[in-house]
């Protein structure tokens, strides 16, 4: 990677060195990223991310009507009913 005064005076050469620009089909290896890696990053990674996000949404939506949630809501209703009964009787210590 170029540094110093030369890279400031010749920005195109510095950029070329950073990105390792070589002509296509030159047969040289050692570029920053081959076509396979670019394909994986552009296609496969977003596809995997999309699959994971869809799975999470389905999982969260399927857990909405679970038995434990029904028990929790029933317990809350009972608690509110008891509090309301104490309030009407005047034994709620308020």
Protein backbone atom coordinates (compact mmCIF):
# COMPACT_ATOMS: atom_id res chain seq x y z
CA UNK A 1 0.00 0.00 0.00
CA UNK A 2 1.57 3.29 -1.03
CA UNK A 3 2.21 5.91 1.54
CA UNK A 4 3.78 9.30 1.71
CA UNK A 5 4.00 12.11 -0.78
CA UNK A 6 3.71 9.93 -3.91
CA UNK A 7 0.26 8.65 -2.98
CA UNK A 8 -0.96 12.21 -2.41
CA UNK A 9 0.37 13.39 -5.77
CA UNK A 10 -0.96 10.39 -7.69
CA UNK A 11 -4.34 9.43 -6.22
CA UNK A 12 -5.29 7.14 -9.10
CA UNK A 13 -2.21 5.00 -8.55
CA UNK A 14 -2.88 4.87 -4.82
CA UNK A 15 -6.49 3.81 -5.35
CA UNK A 16 -5.38 1.16 -7.82
CA UNK A 17 -2.94 -0.24 -5.28
CA UNK A 18 -5.56 -0.33 -2.53
CA UNK A 19 -8.13 -2.18 -4.61
CA UNK A 20 -5.55 -4.32 -6.42
CA UNK A 21 -6.94 -3.65 -9.87
CA UNK A 22 -5.84 -6.23 -12.42
CA UNK A 23 -7.23 -6.87 -15.85
CA UNK A 24 -9.95 -9.50 -15.97
CA UNK A 25 -8.71 -12.86 -17.19
CA UNK A 26 -5.08 -12.05 -16.54
CA UNK A 27 -4.73 -15.33 -14.68
CA UNK A 28 -3.13 -13.68 -11.71
CA UNK A 29 -4.32 -14.72 -8.30
CA UNK A 30 -4.13 -12.84 -5.05
CA UNK A 31 -6.81 -10.24 -5.61
CA UNK A 32 -8.61 -8.83 -2.62
CA UNK A 33 -11.77 -10.78 -3.40
CA UNK A 34 -12.47 -13.41 -6.01
CA UNK A 35 -15.71 -13.84 -7.85
CA UNK A 36 -16.81 -16.68 -5.56
CA UNK A 37 -16.41 -14.62 -2.41
CA UNK A 38 -18.22 -11.68 -3.98
CA UNK A 39 -21.05 -13.98 -5.03
CA UNK A 40 -21.32 -15.36 -1.51
CA UNK A 41 -21.42 -11.87 -0.01
CA UNK A 42 -23.90 -10.52 -2.57
CA UNK A 43 -26.30 -13.48 -2.86
CA UNK A 44 -25.85 -16.13 -0.19
CA UNK A 45 -25.42 -13.93 2.91
CA UNK A 46 -28.59 -11.84 2.31
CA UNK A 47 -30.52 -15.03 1.52
CA UNK A 48 -29.44 -16.60 4.81
CA UNK A 49 -30.32 -13.39 6.64
CA UNK A 50 -33.76 -13.35 5.02
CA UNK A 51 -34.38 -16.99 5.97
CA UNK A 52 -33.40 -16.30 9.60
CA UNK A 53 -35.65 -13.24 9.79
CA UNK A 54 -38.63 -15.14 8.34
CA UNK A 55 -38.02 -17.98 10.80
CA UNK A 56 -37.95 -15.53 13.73
CA UNK A 57 -41.19 -13.85 12.64
CA UNK A 58 -42.93 -17.22 12.29
CA UNK A 59 -41.59 -18.34 15.67
CA UNK A 60 -42.77 -15.19 17.46
CA UNK A 61 -46.21 -15.32 15.86
CA UNK A 62 -46.69 -18.99 16.71
CA UNK A 63 -45.90 -18.37 20.39
CA UNK A 64 -48.67 -15.79 20.76
CA UNK A 65 -51.36 -18.33 21.58
CA UNK A 66 -49.40 -20.58 23.88
CA UNK A 67 -50.93 -22.24 26.95
CA UNK A 68 -48.68 -20.34 29.36
CA UNK A 69 -49.95 -17.04 28.02
CA UNK A 70 -53.53 -18.17 28.60
CA UNK A 71 -52.70 -19.11 32.18
CA UNK A 72 -51.01 -15.78 32.73
CA UNK A 73 -54.01 -13.85 31.44
CA UNK A 74 -56.39 -15.92 33.56
CA UNK A 75 -54.27 -15.27 36.65
CA UNK A 76 -54.28 -11.56 35.91
CA UNK A 77 -58.08 -11.54 35.55
CA UNK A 78 -58.43 -13.33 38.90
CA UNK A 79 -56.06 -10.88 40.59
CA UNK A 80 -57.96 -7.88 39.21
CA UNK A 81 -61.26 -9.42 40.31
CA UNK A 82 -59.93 -9.93 43.86
CA UNK A 83 -58.66 -6.34 43.99
CA UNK A 84 -61.98 -5.03 42.73
CA UNK A 85 -63.84 -7.08 45.35
CA UNK A 86 -61.63 -5.70 48.15
CA UNK A 87 -62.15 -2.18 46.86
CA UNK A 88 -65.93 -2.59 46.91
CA UNK A 89 -65.83 -4.04 50.42
CA UNK A 90 -63.57 -1.23 51.62
CA UNK A 91 -60.81 -3.58 52.82
CA UNK A 92 -58.18 -2.49 50.34
CA UNK A 93 -56.37 -0.32 52.94
CA UNK A 94 -56.53 2.83 50.84
